[in-house]
Amino acid sequence: MTDWQARVDSPVKKPRLLVVDDSKLDLRMNREEFEKRGYEVVTACANDDFLFPEELAEVIQREKPDCILTDFAMGFMDGLDTLEAAKQVAPGVPVVLNSSVPSDAAKRARKPLEELVGPQGFAAIHRKGQANAIDAVFKECLAKGQSPTR
């Protein structure tokens, strides 16, 4: 059994969700929502915890998330930068890009998400505030083993 499976299956260990956003309010709301759903939530605030994708990659390596929820539009960087950082240091970790307008985010991606994440990865774009759908995506990915062994 891998570490992430033990965390998912154990009543004590919870799947770790990294939430990336430039809004402290959205970070707090997502933390509260996903902790209620049984996740161990860690956050990374653009401007406070990292400024560049390389620094975000360090956060991902340090926190070792089972899944990542990121805002799509964050001022000087976007969710695609988060996706790229995750692909480099944690391939296979599912990433959900959170957007107020998912269709615009998909157009801005310039490539299908499947191409951006590679064969081991998973990514989806969801509308902000759709915690049920996002939770279902993460649980499905975790059940399939789409998260790295620690």
N, C-alpha and C. Protein backbone atom coordinates (compact mmCIF):
# COMPACT_ATOMS: atom_id res chain seq x y z
N MET A 1 0.86 -1.19 0.00
CA MET A 1 0.00 0.00 0.00
C MET A 1 0.90 1.23 0.00
N THR A 2 0.59 2.17 -0.88
CA THR A 2 1.36 3.40 -0.95
C THR A 2 0.94 4.33 0.18
N ASP A 3 1.77 5.34 0.45
CA ASP A 3 1.46 6.30 1.51
C ASP A 3 0.15 7.03 1.27
N TRP A 4 -0.09 7.42 0.00
CA TRP A 4 -1.32 8.16 -0.25
C TRP A 4 -2.53 7.27 -0.05
N GLN A 5 -2.44 5.97 -0.42
CA GLN A 5 -3.56 5.05 -0.18
C GLN A 5 -3.82 4.91 1.31
N ALA A 6 -2.75 4.82 2.09
CA ALA A 6 -2.92 4.71 3.54
C ALA A 6 -3.59 5.96 4.08
N ARG A 7 -3.21 7.11 3.56
CA ARG A 7 -3.81 8.36 4.03
C ARG A 7 -5.29 8.42 3.66
N VAL A 8 -5.63 7.96 2.46
CA VAL A 8 -7.02 7.97 2.02
C VAL A 8 -7.85 6.97 2.82
N ASP A 9 -7.30 5.77 3.06
CA ASP A 9 -8.05 4.70 3.71
C ASP A 9 -8.08 4.80 5.22
N SER A 10 -7.12 5.47 5.82
CA SER A 10 -7.02 5.55 7.27
C SER A 10 -7.94 6.63 7.83
N PRO A 11 -8.57 6.35 8.98
CA PRO A 11 -9.37 7.40 9.60
C PRO A 11 -8.52 8.53 10.16
N VAL A 12 -7.23 8.27 10.36
CA VAL A 12 -6.34 9.28 10.92
C VAL A 12 -5.66 10.09 9.81
N LYS A 13 -5.12 9.40 8.82
CA LYS A 13 -4.42 10.09 7.74
C LYS A 13 -5.42 10.51 6.67
N LYS A 14 -5.30 11.75 6.26
CA LYS A 14 -6.22 12.32 5.27
C LYS A 14 -5.45 12.65 4.00
N PRO A 15 -6.12 12.65 2.85
CA PRO A 15 -5.43 13.10 1.64
C PRO A 15 -5.06 14.57 1.78
N ARG A 16 -3.86 14.90 1.36
CA ARG A 16 -3.37 16.28 1.49
C ARG A 16 -3.68 17.06 0.22
N LEU A 17 -4.37 18.17 0.39
CA LEU A 17 -4.76 19.07 -0.70
C LEU A 17 -3.97 20.36 -0.56
N LEU A 18 -3.27 20.73 -1.62
CA LEU A 18 -2.60 22.02 -1.68
C LEU A 18 -3.50 22.98 -2.44
N VAL A 19 -3.87 24.09 -1.81
CA VAL A 19 -4.69 25.12 -2.46
C VAL A 19 -3.78 26.30 -2.77
N VAL A 20 -3.77 26.71 -4.03
CA VAL A 20 -2.93 27.81 -4.50
C VAL A 20 -3.83 28.93 -5.01
N ASP A 21 -3.65 30.11 -4.46
CA ASP A 21 -4.49 31.25 -4.85
C ASP A 21 -3.77 32.53 -4.46
N ASP A 22 -4.18 33.65 -5.05
CA ASP A 22 -3.63 34.94 -4.64
C ASP A 22 -4.61 35.68 -3.74
N SER A 23 -5.75 35.08 -3.46
CA SER A 23 -6.75 35.68 -2.59
C SER A 23 -6.77 34.95 -1.24
N LYS A 24 -6.44 35.67 -0.19
CA LYS A 24 -6.46 35.05 1.14
C LYS A 24 -7.87 34.63 1.54
N LEU A 25 -8.86 35.37 1.08
CA LEU A 25 -10.25 35.00 1.36
C LEU A 25 -10.60 33.67 0.71
N ASP A 26 -10.24 33.51 -0.57
CA ASP A 26 -10.51 32.25 -1.26
C ASP A 26 -9.72 31.10 -0.63
N LEU A 27 -8.49 31.37 -0.22
CA LEU A 27 -7.71 30.33 0.46
C LEU A 27 -8.43 29.86 1.72
N ARG A 28 -8.89 30.82 2.51
CA ARG A 28 -9.58 30.48 3.76
C ARG A 28 -10.88 29.72 3.49
N MET A 29 -11.66 30.17 2.52
CA MET A 29 -12.93 29.51 2.21
C MET A 29 -12.68 28.08 1.71
N ASN A 30 -11.68 27.90 0.84
CA ASN A 30 -11.37 26.56 0.35
C ASN A 30 -10.83 25.66 1.47
N ARG A 31 -10.01 26.22 2.35
CA ARG A 31 -9.51 25.45 3.48
C ARG A 31 -10.69 24.92 4.31
N GLU A 32 -11.59 25.81 4.67
CA GLU A 32 -12.73 25.42 5.49
C GLU A 32 -13.59 24.37 4.78
N GLU A 33 -13.87 24.58 3.52
CA GLU A 33 -14.74 23.67 2.76
C GLU A 33 -14.12 22.28 2.65
N PHE A 34 -12.85 22.22 2.30
CA PHE A 34 -12.24 20.91 2.05
C PHE A 34 -11.80 20.21 3.34
N GLU A 35 -11.55 20.95 4.40
CA GLU A 35 -11.32 20.29 5.69
C GLU A 35 -12.60 19.59 6.15
N LYS A 36 -13.74 20.22 5.91
CA LYS A 36 -15.03 19.58 6.23
C LYS A 36 -15.21 18.29 5.44
N ARG A 37 -14.62 18.22 4.27
CA ARG A 37 -14.75 17.06 3.40
C ARG A 37 -13.68 16.00 3.67
N GLY A 38 -12.87 16.22 4.70
CA GLY A 38 -11.92 15.19 5.12
C GLY A 38 -10.51 15.32 4.59
N TYR A 39 -10.16 16.47 4.03
CA TYR A 39 -8.80 16.67 3.52
C TYR A 39 -7.94 17.36 4.58
N GLU A 40 -6.66 17.07 4.52
CA GLU A 40 -5.68 17.89 5.23
C GLU A 40 -5.32 18.98 4.22
N VAL A 41 -5.61 20.22 4.54
CA VAL A 41 -5.44 21.30 3.57
C VAL A 41 -4.22 22.15 3.95
N VAL A 42 -3.34 22.34 2.98
CA VAL A 42 -2.24 23.29 3.11
C VAL A 42 -2.44 24.33 2.01
N THR A 43 -2.03 25.55 2.28
CA THR A 43 -2.25 26.61 1.32
C THR A 43 -0.94 27.27 0.92
N ALA A 44 -0.95 27.84 -0.27
CA ALA A 44 0.16 28.65 -0.75
C ALA A 44 -0.44 29.90 -1.38
N CYS A 45 -0.09 31.04 -0.81
CA CYS A 45 -0.63 32.30 -1.28
C CYS A 45 0.38 32.99 -2.19
N ALA A 46 -0.04 33.23 -3.43
CA ALA A 46 0.81 34.00 -4.34
C ALA A 46 1.06 35.35 -3.68
N ASN A 47 2.25 35.84 -3.78
CA ASN A 47 2.72 37.09 -3.18
C ASN A 47 3.27 36.88 -1.78
N ASP A 48 2.74 35.93 -1.01
CA ASP A 48 3.24 35.69 0.35
C ASP A 48 4.20 34.50 0.39
N ASP A 49 3.76 33.36 -0.14
CA ASP A 49 4.53 32.13 -0.06
C ASP A 49 5.42 31.88 -1.28
N PHE A 50 5.09 32.48 -2.38
CA PHE A 50 5.89 32.32 -3.59
C PHE A 50 5.62 33.49 -4.52
N LEU A 51 6.56 33.77 -5.38
CA LEU A 51 6.39 34.83 -6.37
C LEU A 51 6.52 34.31 -7.80
N PHE A 52 7.23 33.20 -7.96
CA PHE A 52 7.52 32.67 -9.28
C PHE A 52 7.20 31.18 -9.32
N PRO A 53 6.95 30.65 -10.51
CA PRO A 53 6.66 29.21 -10.62
C PRO A 53 7.74 28.31 -9.99
N GLU A 54 9.00 28.73 -10.09
CA GLU A 54 10.07 27.91 -9.51
C GLU A 54 9.91 27.80 -7.99
N GLU A 55 9.49 28.89 -7.36
CA GLU A 55 9.27 28.87 -5.91
C GLU A 55 8.05 28.02 -5.57
N LEU A 56 7.04 28.06 -6.42
CA LEU A 56 5.87 27.23 -6.20
C LEU A 56 6.25 25.76 -6.32
N ALA A 57 7.15 25.43 -7.24
CA ALA A 57 7.61 24.04 -7.36
C ALA A 57 8.25 23.58 -6.05
N GLU A 58 8.98 24.47 -5.39
CA GLU A 58 9.57 24.14 -4.09
C GLU A 58 8.50 23.90 -3.04
N VAL A 59 7.43 24.69 -3.07
CA VAL A 59 6.31 24.49 -2.14
C VAL A 59 5.68 23.12 -2.39
N ILE A 60 5.48 22.76 -3.65
CA ILE A 60 4.89 21.46 -3.98
C ILE A 60 5.79 20.33 -3.50
N GLN A 61 7.08 20.45 -3.72
CA GLN A 61 8.02 19.41 -3.24
C GLN A 61 7.99 19.30 -1.73
N ARG A 62 7.94 20.41 -1.04
CA ARG A 62 7.96 20.40 0.43
C ARG A 62 6.66 19.84 1.01
N GLU A 63 5.52 20.24 0.45
CA GLU A 63 4.22 19.86 1.01
C GLU A 63 3.75 18.47 0.58
N LYS A 64 4.26 17.97 -0.54
CA LYS A 64 3.91 16.65 -1.05
C LYS A 64 2.39 16.41 -1.08
N PRO A 65 1.67 17.24 -1.84
CA PRO A 65 0.21 17.08 -1.88
C PRO A 65 -0.22 15.85 -2.67
N ASP A 66 -1.39 15.34 -2.32
CA ASP A 66 -2.01 14.27 -3.10
C ASP A 66 -2.81 14.86 -4.26
N CYS A 67 -3.23 16.10 -4.11
CA CYS A 67 -3.97 16.80 -5.15
C CYS A 67 -3.79 18.31 -4.95
N ILE A 68 -4.01 19.04 -6.04
CA ILE A 68 -3.79 20.50 -6.02
C ILE A 68 -5.02 21.19 -6.60
N LEU A 69 -5.48 22.21 -5.90
CA LEU A 69 -6.55 23.09 -6.38
C LEU A 69 -5.93 24.47 -6.54
N THR A 70 -5.98 25.01 -7.75
CA THR A 70 -5.35 26.31 -7.99
C THR A 70 -6.29 27.27 -8.69
N ASP A 71 -6.18 28.52 -8.33
CA ASP A 71 -6.92 29.56 -9.04
C ASP A 71 -6.33 29.64 -10.44
N PHE A 72 -7.17 29.93 -11.43
CA PHE A 72 -6.65 30.04 -12.79
C PHE A 72 -5.95 31.37 -13.01
N ALA A 73 -6.57 32.47 -12.58
CA ALA A 73 -6.02 33.80 -12.83
C ALA A 73 -5.46 34.38 -11.53
N MET A 74 -4.14 34.55 -11.49
CA MET A 74 -3.50 35.08 -10.27
C MET A 74 -2.51 36.18 -10.61
N GLY A 75 -2.94 37.21 -11.23
CA GLY A 75 -2.06 38.35 -11.47
C GLY A 75 -0.87 38.01 -12.34
N PHE A 76 0.30 37.86 -11.74
CA PHE A 76 1.55 37.69 -12.49
C PHE A 76 1.79 36.26 -12.95
N MET A 77 1.01 35.30 -12.46
CA MET A 77 1.10 33.93 -12.95
C MET A 77 -0.31 33.36 -12.97
N ASP A 78 -0.46 32.17 -13.54
CA ASP A 78 -1.81 31.60 -13.59
C ASP A 78 -1.77 30.12 -13.25
N GLY A 79 -2.93 29.51 -13.31
CA GLY A 79 -3.05 28.10 -12.97
C GLY A 79 -2.23 27.21 -13.88
N LEU A 80 -1.97 27.66 -15.10
CA LEU A 80 -1.14 26.86 -16.00
C LEU A 80 0.30 26.81 -15.49
N ASP A 81 0.76 27.88 -14.85
CA ASP A 81 2.09 27.86 -14.23
C ASP A 81 2.11 26.85 -13.08
N THR A 82 1.00 26.80 -12.32
CA THR A 82 0.89 25.81 -11.23
C THR A 82 0.93 24.42 -11.82
N LEU A 83 0.19 24.21 -12.89
CA LEU A 83 0.14 22.92 -13.56
C LEU A 83 1.53 22.50 -14.03
N GLU A 84 2.26 23.43 -14.60
CA GLU A 84 3.62 23.14 -15.08
C GLU A 84 4.55 22.80 -13.92
N ALA A 85 4.45 23.56 -12.83
CA ALA A 85 5.29 23.28 -11.66
C ALA A 85 4.98 21.90 -11.10
N ALA A 86 3.71 21.56 -11.03
CA ALA A 86 3.32 20.23 -10.52
C ALA A 86 3.83 19.13 -11.45
N LYS A 87 3.73 19.35 -12.74
CA LYS A 87 4.18 18.35 -13.72
C LYS A 87 5.67 18.08 -13.56
N GLN A 88 6.45 19.13 -13.26
CA GLN A 88 7.90 18.98 -13.14
C GLN A 88 8.31 18.23 -11.87
N VAL A 89 7.68 18.55 -10.75
CA VAL A 89 8.15 17.99 -9.47
C VAL A 89 7.26 16.91 -8.89
N ALA A 90 6.03 16.81 -9.39
CA ALA A 90 5.10 15.80 -8.85
C ALA A 90 4.18 15.31 -9.97
N PRO A 91 4.74 14.68 -11.01
CA PRO A 91 3.89 14.21 -12.10
C PRO A 91 2.90 13.18 -11.56
N GLY A 92 1.70 13.27 -12.02
CA GLY A 92 0.68 12.33 -11.56
C GLY A 92 -0.23 12.90 -10.50
N VAL A 93 0.15 14.01 -9.89
CA VAL A 93 -0.73 14.64 -8.89
C VAL A 93 -1.86 15.34 -9.65
N PRO A 94 -3.12 15.01 -9.35
CA PRO A 94 -4.22 15.67 -10.05
C PRO A 94 -4.31 17.15 -9.68
N VAL A 95 -4.56 17.97 -10.70
CA VAL A 95 -4.66 19.42 -10.52
C VAL A 95 -6.01 19.88 -11.05
N VAL A 96 -6.74 20.64 -10.24
CA VAL A 96 -7.97 21.27 -10.71
C VAL A 96 -7.73 22.77 -10.74
N LEU A 97 -7.97 23.36 -11.90
CA LEU A 97 -7.86 24.80 -12.07
C LEU A 97 -9.24 25.39 -11.81
N ASN A 98 -9.31 26.30 -10.88
CA ASN A 98 -10.55 26.93 -10.44
C ASN A 98 -10.71 28.24 -11.19
N SER A 99 -11.85 28.44 -11.83
CA SER A 99 -12.04 29.65 -12.62
C SER A 99 -13.46 30.16 -12.48
N SER A 100 -13.60 31.47 -12.48
CA SER A 100 -14.94 32.07 -12.49
C SER A 100 -15.62 31.82 -13.82
N VAL A 101 -14.83 31.72 -14.88
CA VAL A 101 -15.36 31.48 -16.23
C VAL A 101 -14.56 30.34 -16.86
N PRO A 102 -14.97 29.08 -16.60
CA PRO A 102 -14.19 27.94 -17.10
C PRO A 102 -13.98 27.92 -18.61
N SER A 103 -14.95 28.37 -19.39
CA SER A 103 -14.78 28.34 -20.84
C SER A 103 -13.67 29.29 -21.28
N ASP A 104 -13.56 30.46 -20.64
CA ASP A 104 -12.47 31.38 -20.96
C ASP A 104 -11.13 30.79 -20.55
N ALA A 105 -11.08 30.14 -19.40
CA ALA A 105 -9.84 29.52 -18.94
C ALA A 105 -9.39 28.45 -19.93
N ALA A 106 -10.33 27.64 -20.41
CA ALA A 106 -9.98 26.59 -21.36
C ALA A 106 -9.42 27.18 -22.66
N LYS A 107 -10.00 28.30 -23.11
CA LYS A 107 -9.50 28.96 -24.32
C LYS A 107 -8.10 29.51 -24.10
N ARG A 108 -7.84 30.06 -22.91
CA ARG A 108 -6.53 30.64 -22.62
C ARG A 108 -5.46 29.57 -22.46
N ALA A 109 -5.85 28.33 -22.24
CA ALA A 109 -4.88 27.26 -22.03
C ALA A 109 -4.01 27.02 -23.27
N ARG A 110 -4.49 27.39 -24.44
CA ARG A 110 -3.75 27.30 -25.69
C ARG A 110 -3.53 25.87 -26.17
N LYS A 111 -3.61 24.90 -25.29
CA LYS A 111 -3.48 23.49 -25.65
C LYS A 111 -4.48 22.72 -24.79
N PRO A 112 -4.91 21.57 -25.26
CA PRO A 112 -5.75 20.75 -24.38
C PRO A 112 -4.98 20.41 -23.10
N LEU A 113 -5.69 20.38 -21.99
CA LEU A 113 -5.04 20.10 -20.71
C LEU A 113 -4.30 18.77 -20.72
N GLU A 114 -4.82 17.80 -21.47
CA GLU A 114 -4.16 16.49 -21.52
C GLU A 114 -2.74 16.62 -22.05
N GLU A 115 -2.54 17.50 -23.01
CA GLU A 115 -1.19 17.72 -23.55
C GLU A 115 -0.30 18.42 -22.52
N LEU A 116 -0.89 19.32 -21.74
CA LEU A 116 -0.11 20.08 -20.77
C LEU A 116 0.36 19.21 -19.60
N VAL A 117 -0.44 18.24 -19.19
CA VAL A 117 -0.07 17.45 -18.01
C VAL A 117 0.76 16.23 -18.35
N GLY A 118 0.71 15.77 -19.59
CA GLY A 118 1.45 14.59 -19.97
C GLY A 118 0.68 13.32 -19.65
N PRO A 119 1.26 12.17 -20.00
CA PRO A 119 0.53 10.90 -19.87
C PRO A 119 0.20 10.49 -18.43
N GLN A 120 0.99 10.92 -17.45
CA GLN A 120 0.75 10.52 -16.07
C GLN A 120 -0.16 11.46 -15.32
N GLY A 121 -0.38 12.65 -15.85
CA GLY A 121 -1.08 13.67 -15.10
C GLY A 121 -2.57 13.71 -15.34
N PHE A 122 -3.22 14.54 -14.55
CA PHE A 122 -4.65 14.79 -14.71
C PHE A 122 -4.91 16.24 -14.36
N ALA A 123 -5.74 16.90 -15.15
CA ALA A 123 -6.13 18.28 -14.84
C ALA A 123 -7.54 18.51 -15.37
N ALA A 124 -8.23 19.39 -14.70
CA ALA A 124 -9.59 19.77 -15.10
C ALA A 124 -9.81 21.22 -14.73
N ILE A 125 -10.75 21.84 -15.40
CA ILE A 125 -11.12 23.22 -15.07
C ILE A 125 -12.54 23.18 -14.51
N HIS A 126 -12.72 23.78 -13.35
CA HIS A 126 -14.04 23.85 -12.73
C HIS A 126 -14.35 25.28 -12.34
N ARG A 127 -15.64 25.58 -12.28
CA ARG A 127 -16.10 26.89 -11.85
C ARG A 127 -15.87 27.04 -10.36
N LYS A 128 -15.46 28.22 -9.95
CA LYS A 128 -15.27 28.49 -8.53
C LYS A 128 -16.55 28.19 -7.77
N GLY A 129 -16.40 27.64 -6.57
CA GLY A 129 -17.54 27.37 -5.73
C GLY A 129 -18.18 26.01 -5.98
N GLN A 130 -17.65 25.21 -6.88
CA GLN A 130 -18.22 23.90 -7.16
C GLN A 130 -17.46 22.82 -6.40
N ALA A 131 -17.51 22.92 -5.09
CA ALA A 131 -16.74 22.01 -4.24
C ALA A 131 -17.15 20.55 -4.43
N ASN A 132 -18.42 20.28 -4.65
CA ASN A 132 -18.86 18.90 -4.84
C ASN A 132 -18.19 18.27 -6.05
N ALA A 133 -18.17 18.99 -7.17
CA ALA A 133 -17.56 18.48 -8.39
C ALA A 133 -16.05 18.32 -8.22
N ILE A 134 -15.41 19.28 -7.59
CA ILE A 134 -13.96 19.23 -7.39
C ILE A 134 -13.61 18.07 -6.47
N ASP A 135 -14.34 17.91 -5.38
CA ASP A 135 -14.13 16.80 -4.46
C ASP A 135 -14.28 15.46 -5.19
N ALA A 136 -15.30 15.33 -6.04
CA ALA A 136 -15.52 14.09 -6.78
C ALA A 136 -14.34 13.78 -7.70
N VAL A 137 -13.81 14.81 -8.36
CA VAL A 137 -12.66 14.62 -9.24
C VAL A 137 -11.46 14.11 -8.45
N PHE A 138 -11.16 14.75 -7.32
CA PHE A 138 -10.01 14.32 -6.53
C PHE A 138 -10.20 12.90 -6.01
N LYS A 139 -11.37 12.59 -5.51
CA LYS A 139 -11.61 11.25 -4.96
C LYS A 139 -11.50 10.19 -6.04
N GLU A 140 -11.99 10.49 -7.24
CA GLU A 140 -11.86 9.54 -8.34
C GLU A 140 -10.39 9.32 -8.70
N CYS A 141 -9.64 10.41 -8.78
CA CYS A 141 -8.21 10.29 -9.11
C CYS A 141 -7.46 9.51 -8.02
N LEU A 142 -7.75 9.82 -6.77
CA LEU A 142 -7.07 9.14 -5.68
C LEU A 142 -7.42 7.66 -5.68
N ALA A 143 -8.66 7.32 -5.95
CA ALA A 143 -9.08 5.92 -5.99
C ALA A 143 -8.38 5.16 -7.12
N LYS A 144 -8.10 5.85 -8.22
CA LYS A 144 -7.41 5.23 -9.35
C LYS A 144 -5.90 5.19 -9.15
N GLY A 145 -5.43 5.83 -8.10
CA GLY A 145 -3.99 5.85 -7.86
C GLY A 145 -3.26 6.92 -8.63
N GLN A 146 -3.95 7.98 -9.04
CA GLN A 146 -3.30 9.05 -9.77
C GLN A 146 -2.71 10.06 -8.80
N SER A 147 -1.80 9.62 -8.01
CA SER A 147 -1.06 10.48 -7.11
C SER A 147 0.25 9.77 -6.81
N PRO A 148 1.33 10.49 -6.64
CA PRO A 148 2.62 9.83 -6.52
C PRO A 148 2.79 9.10 -5.20
N THR A 149 3.64 8.10 -5.23
CA THR A 149 4.03 7.41 -4.00
C THR A 149 5.03 8.29 -3.29
N ARG A 150 4.88 8.44 -1.99
CA ARG A 150 5.82 9.25 -1.21
C ARG A 150 6.91 8.38 -0.66
